[in-house]
Protein backbone atom coordinates (compact mmCIF):
# COMPACT_ATOMS: atom_id res chain seq x y z
CA UNK A 1 -67.27 -106.70 -34.18
CA UNK A 2 -66.25 -103.78 -36.03
CA UNK A 3 -68.12 -100.44 -35.27
CA UNK A 4 -67.85 -97.59 -38.48
CA UNK A 5 -67.27 -94.15 -37.23
CA UNK A 6 -69.30 -91.47 -38.56
CA UNK A 7 -67.96 -90.32 -41.88
CA UNK A 8 -66.79 -86.69 -41.40
CA UNK A 9 -67.62 -85.85 -45.16
CA UNK A 10 -71.15 -87.28 -44.91
CA UNK A 11 -73.14 -84.52 -46.05
CA UNK A 12 -76.72 -85.03 -44.50
CA UNK A 13 -78.27 -81.73 -46.19
CA UNK A 14 -81.47 -82.15 -48.04
CA UNK A 15 -81.38 -82.35 -51.63
CA UNK A 16 -84.71 -83.79 -52.65
CA UNK A 17 -88.15 -84.98 -51.14
CA UNK A 18 -90.39 -87.57 -52.23
CA UNK A 19 -93.86 -88.19 -50.96
CA UNK A 20 -96.02 -90.88 -52.05
CA UNK A 21 -99.23 -92.78 -51.19
CA UNK A 22 -97.38 -94.68 -48.53
CA UNK A 23 -93.65 -93.57 -48.46
CA UNK A 24 -91.72 -90.59 -47.45
CA UNK A 25 -88.56 -90.59 -49.39
CA UNK A 26 -85.73 -88.08 -49.14
CA UNK A 27 -82.68 -87.54 -50.86
CA UNK A 28 -79.35 -86.56 -49.06
CA UNK A 29 -76.61 -84.26 -50.91
CA UNK A 30 -74.25 -87.17 -50.23
CA UNK A 31 -75.89 -89.65 -52.62
CA UNK A 32 -78.28 -91.45 -49.34
CA UNK A 33 -81.89 -91.75 -50.00
CA UNK A 34 -84.09 -91.82 -46.65
CA UNK A 35 -87.14 -93.77 -46.63
CA UNK A 36 -90.07 -93.97 -44.19
CA UNK A 37 -93.34 -95.08 -44.05
CA UNK A 38 -96.06 -92.09 -44.60
CA UNK A 39 -98.17 -93.36 -41.76
CA UNK A 40 -95.37 -92.52 -39.04
CA UNK A 41 -96.27 -88.91 -40.50
CA UNK A 42 -99.95 -88.55 -39.72
CA UNK A 43 -100.32 -84.83 -41.13
CA UNK A 44 -98.21 -85.83 -44.23
CA UNK A 45 -100.55 -89.35 -44.45
CA UNK A 46 -103.34 -87.05 -43.96
CA UNK A 47 -102.78 -84.48 -46.55
CA UNK A 48 -103.79 -83.84 -50.19
CA UNK A 49 -100.80 -84.64 -53.24
CA UNK A 50 -100.75 -81.28 -53.69
CA UNK A 51 -100.18 -80.74 -49.72
CA UNK A 52 -97.65 -82.97 -50.14
CA UNK A 53 -96.14 -81.77 -52.87
CA UNK A 54 -95.56 -78.38 -51.75
CA UNK A 55 -92.72 -78.14 -49.37
CA UNK A 56 -89.92 -76.03 -48.81
CA UNK A 57 -85.80 -77.07 -47.57
CA UNK A 58 -85.82 -74.90 -44.62
CA UNK A 59 -82.87 -74.34 -42.30
CA UNK A 60 -79.80 -74.11 -44.54
CA UNK A 61 -80.95 -77.68 -45.80
CA UNK A 62 -81.35 -79.66 -42.94
CA UNK A 63 -85.10 -79.69 -42.72
CA UNK A 64 -88.18 -79.60 -44.55
CA UNK A 65 -91.27 -78.01 -43.58
CA UNK A 66 -94.86 -78.41 -45.14
CA UNK A 67 -96.62 -74.53 -45.20
CA UNK A 68 -100.05 -76.20 -46.27
CA UNK A 69 -100.13 -78.72 -43.20
CA UNK A 70 -97.49 -77.18 -40.80
CA UNK A 71 -95.61 -79.74 -40.70
CA UNK A 72 -91.56 -79.39 -40.37
CA UNK A 73 -89.06 -82.74 -40.27
CA UNK A 74 -85.25 -82.42 -39.79
CA UNK A 75 -82.59 -84.95 -41.44
CA UNK A 76 -81.72 -85.45 -37.76
CA UNK A 77 -84.93 -87.18 -36.71
CA UNK A 78 -85.16 -89.20 -39.92
CA UNK A 79 -81.57 -90.17 -39.57
CA UNK A 80 -82.59 -91.85 -35.85
CA UNK A 81 -85.97 -92.99 -37.57
CA UNK A 82 -87.96 -90.74 -35.37
CA UNK A 83 -92.13 -90.66 -35.84
CA UNK A 84 -94.07 -87.86 -35.58
CA UNK A 85 -94.81 -87.30 -31.81
CA UNK A 86 -97.68 -88.78 -30.48
CA UNK A 87 -97.24 -91.95 -32.75
CA UNK A 88 -97.54 -95.01 -31.59
CA UNK A 89 -95.28 -98.10 -32.86
């Protein structure tokens, strides 16, 4: 079995964010996209479409902040598949 090493030039900063009724998708600077079920993030799932659309790319591009619902996510957590704290599988 071969295990690939992380790319030295991978740029995991956030380029764009899309939130639908079912899914969170984050586009990274290096061209990859991370998608996760919106159910993993209850604050986002319970927010209005306008609240979901009002986000700020924060922390030099390593995080996302939704000021209207006080939600913060990081690329590190998204890449690990981390769900919101307290969320049951």
